[in-house]
Amino acid sequence: VSSGINAEYGEEEQMLTQSLAQLKGVQSRFMESQESVLKLSKKETGKDVLVPLTSSMYVPGQLADVEKVLIDIGTGYHVKMTVSDARDYFTRITEYITKKMEIVQKNLIEKDKLRQVTTEILQLKIQAQQQQSAQQQARGDYTDTINFNFSNS
């Protein structure tokens, strides 16, 4: 019983740990994007850059407008924003993700505490049952044991 409960809690803790790791990765990418947007300046107009077409394919290009940027807001949608609006967007989304990470972290801690308490309670119940069994055996009280019937019916 105890191992089944530990396994169930273990699965839940693993799922929460994976969620936390994914959120940290997303948070890191947004922070990197925010840093990139903030590095743009008017001096860089006409600068040669590599433009990502996919995660592994880039094409050469030139910065034409550093006042406005195209931001990927997810699921294939892009929004044209000013650098200031993009900075605000990245700040909001990073704060949102940080709050979600805190919630997942709290849930992970609560699950661990719950698993510990449940395990302790089960161990106490098992110890009490073992003590009761030992006391019954010491008294010669075998009512909980198998009764043998030797009649010839």
Protein backbone atom coordinates (compact mmCIF):
# COMPACT_ATOMS: atom_id res chain seq x y z
CA VAL A 1 0.00 0.00 0.00
CA SER A 2 2.76 2.42 1.00
CA SER A 3 4.73 1.84 -2.19
CA GLY A 4 1.61 2.45 -4.31
CA ILE A 5 0.94 5.74 -2.57
CA ASN A 6 4.59 6.75 -2.88
CA ALA A 7 4.48 5.90 -6.58
CA GLU A 8 1.33 7.98 -7.07
CA TYR A 9 2.81 10.96 -5.26
CA GLY A 10 6.07 10.42 -7.14
CA GLU A 11 4.26 10.65 -10.47
CA GLU A 12 2.50 13.86 -9.43
CA GLU A 13 5.76 15.37 -8.15
CA GLN A 14 7.52 14.40 -11.39
CA MET A 15 4.76 16.04 -13.45
CA LEU A 16 5.02 19.23 -11.39
CA THR A 17 8.81 19.20 -11.66
CA GLN A 18 8.57 18.87 -15.44
CA SER A 19 6.05 21.72 -15.57
CA LEU A 20 8.38 23.88 -13.51
CA ALA A 21 11.31 23.10 -15.82
CA GLN A 22 9.21 23.96 -18.88
CA LEU A 23 8.11 27.26 -17.34
CA LYS A 24 11.73 28.12 -16.52
CA GLY A 25 12.68 27.46 -20.16
CA VAL A 26 9.85 29.66 -21.45
CA GLN A 27 10.74 32.39 -18.96
CA SER A 28 14.37 32.26 -20.08
CA ARG A 29 13.41 32.59 -23.77
CA PHE A 30 11.18 35.60 -23.06
CA MET A 31 13.92 37.27 -21.05
CA GLU A 32 16.40 36.68 -23.89
CA SER A 33 13.90 38.14 -26.37
CA GLN A 34 13.40 41.17 -24.17
CA GLU A 35 17.16 41.72 -23.97
CA SER A 36 17.43 41.50 -27.77
CA VAL A 37 14.68 44.06 -28.29
CA LEU A 38 16.28 46.43 -25.80
CA LYS A 39 19.63 46.25 -27.62
CA LEU A 40 18.13 47.81 -30.75
CA SER A 41 19.01 51.44 -31.31
CA LYS A 42 18.74 54.01 -34.10
CA LYS A 43 22.44 53.53 -34.85
CA GLU A 44 21.78 50.03 -36.08
CA THR A 45 19.51 50.96 -38.98
CA GLY A 46 20.93 49.26 -42.08
CA LYS A 47 22.99 46.80 -40.02
CA ASP A 48 23.44 43.31 -41.54
CA VAL A 49 21.66 40.60 -39.54
CA LEU A 50 20.64 36.97 -39.84
CA VAL A 51 16.86 36.60 -39.86
CA PRO A 52 15.51 33.29 -38.47
CA LEU A 53 13.08 31.50 -40.79
CA THR A 54 12.95 28.39 -38.61
CA SER A 55 14.80 27.36 -35.46
CA SER A 56 17.72 26.17 -37.60
CA MET A 57 17.51 28.20 -40.84
CA TYR A 58 18.56 31.85 -41.16
CA VAL A 59 18.73 34.23 -44.12
CA PRO A 60 20.78 37.42 -44.38
CA GLY A 61 18.96 40.73 -44.05
CA GLN A 62 19.29 44.34 -42.96
CA LEU A 63 17.59 46.25 -40.18
CA ALA A 64 15.27 48.73 -41.85
CA ASP A 65 13.28 50.01 -38.86
CA VAL A 66 14.54 49.72 -35.29
CA GLU A 67 11.58 51.66 -33.86
CA LYS A 68 9.16 48.80 -34.45
CA VAL A 69 9.66 45.08 -33.97
CA LEU A 70 7.70 41.97 -34.90
CA ILE A 71 6.93 39.90 -31.80
CA ASP A 72 5.92 36.24 -31.87
CA ILE A 73 3.01 36.00 -29.42
CA GLY A 74 2.57 32.26 -29.88
CA THR A 75 0.74 29.77 -32.08
CA GLY A 76 2.22 31.33 -35.20
CA TYR A 77 0.87 34.85 -34.62
CA HIS A 78 3.13 37.90 -34.81
CA VAL A 79 2.35 41.47 -33.74
CA LYS A 80 4.16 44.61 -34.82
CA MET A 81 4.98 46.75 -31.77
CA THR A 82 7.13 49.67 -30.81
CA VAL A 83 10.26 48.78 -28.85
CA SER A 84 8.65 50.30 -25.75
CA ASP A 85 5.46 48.23 -26.17
CA ALA A 86 7.54 45.10 -26.77
CA ARG A 87 9.52 45.77 -23.58
CA ASP A 88 6.25 46.16 -21.64
CA TYR A 89 4.86 42.98 -23.23
CA PHE A 90 7.94 40.96 -22.27
CA THR A 91 7.87 42.38 -18.74
CA ARG A 92 4.19 41.43 -18.32
CA ILE A 93 4.63 37.92 -19.74
CA THR A 94 7.76 37.28 -17.66
CA GLU A 95 5.96 38.39 -14.49
CA TYR A 96 2.99 36.16 -15.37
CA ILE A 97 5.26 33.14 -15.91
CA THR A 98 7.12 33.87 -12.67
CA LYS A 99 3.81 33.85 -10.76
CA LYS A 100 2.86 30.53 -12.38
CA MET A 101 6.27 29.11 -11.45
CA GLU A 102 5.71 30.16 -7.82
CA ILE A 103 2.34 28.40 -7.80
CA VAL A 104 3.83 25.20 -9.24
CA GLN A 105 6.70 25.38 -6.71
CA LYS A 106 4.22 25.74 -3.82
CA ASN A 107 2.18 22.79 -5.16
CA LEU A 108 5.35 20.72 -5.39
CA ILE A 109 6.25 21.49 -1.78
CA GLU A 110 2.69 20.72 -0.63
CA LYS A 111 2.68 17.39 -2.49
CA ASP A 112 5.99 16.43 -0.89
CA LYS A 113 4.70 17.31 2.60
CA LEU A 114 1.47 15.40 1.95
CA ARG A 115 3.43 12.35 0.80
CA GLN A 116 5.59 12.50 3.93
CA VAL A 117 2.59 12.80 6.26
CA THR A 118 0.74 9.99 4.49
CA THR A 119 3.79 7.73 4.70
CA GLU A 120 4.24 8.48 8.39
CA ILE A 121 0.57 7.73 9.13
CA LEU A 122 0.76 4.44 7.24
CA GLN A 123 3.93 3.48 9.09
CA LEU A 124 2.28 4.25 12.44
CA LYS A 125 -0.75 2.13 11.51
CA ILE A 126 1.48 -0.76 10.43
CA GLN A 127 3.47 -0.52 13.68
CA ALA A 128 0.25 -0.48 15.74
CA GLN A 129 -1.06 -3.52 13.85
CA GLN A 130 2.24 -5.36 14.37
CA GLN A 131 2.21 -4.54 18.10
CA GLN A 132 -1.37 -5.75 18.41
CA SER A 133 -0.50 -8.96 16.61
CA ALA A 134 2.55 -9.51 18.83
CA GLN A 135 0.43 -8.94 21.98
CA GLN A 136 -2.19 -11.43 20.77
CA GLN A 137 0.46 -14.03 20.07
CA ALA A 138 2.06 -13.46 23.47
CA ARG A 139 -1.34 -14.06 25.16
CA GLY A 140 -1.97 -17.11 23.06
CA ASP A 141 -4.96 -15.41 21.44
CA TYR A 142 -5.00 -16.67 17.88
CA THR A 143 -8.46 -15.54 16.86
CA ASP A 144 -7.04 -13.68 13.88
CA THR A 145 -5.11 -16.70 12.68
CA ILE A 146 -6.33 -19.56 10.51
CA ASN A 147 -8.57 -22.07 12.32
CA PHE A 148 -8.03 -25.69 11.38
CA ASN A 149 -10.97 -28.04 11.41
CA PHE A 150 -9.97 -31.70 11.88
CA SER A 151 -13.44 -33.27 11.87
CA ASN A 152 -14.24 -36.01 9.35
CA SER A 153 -17.38 -34.49 7.87
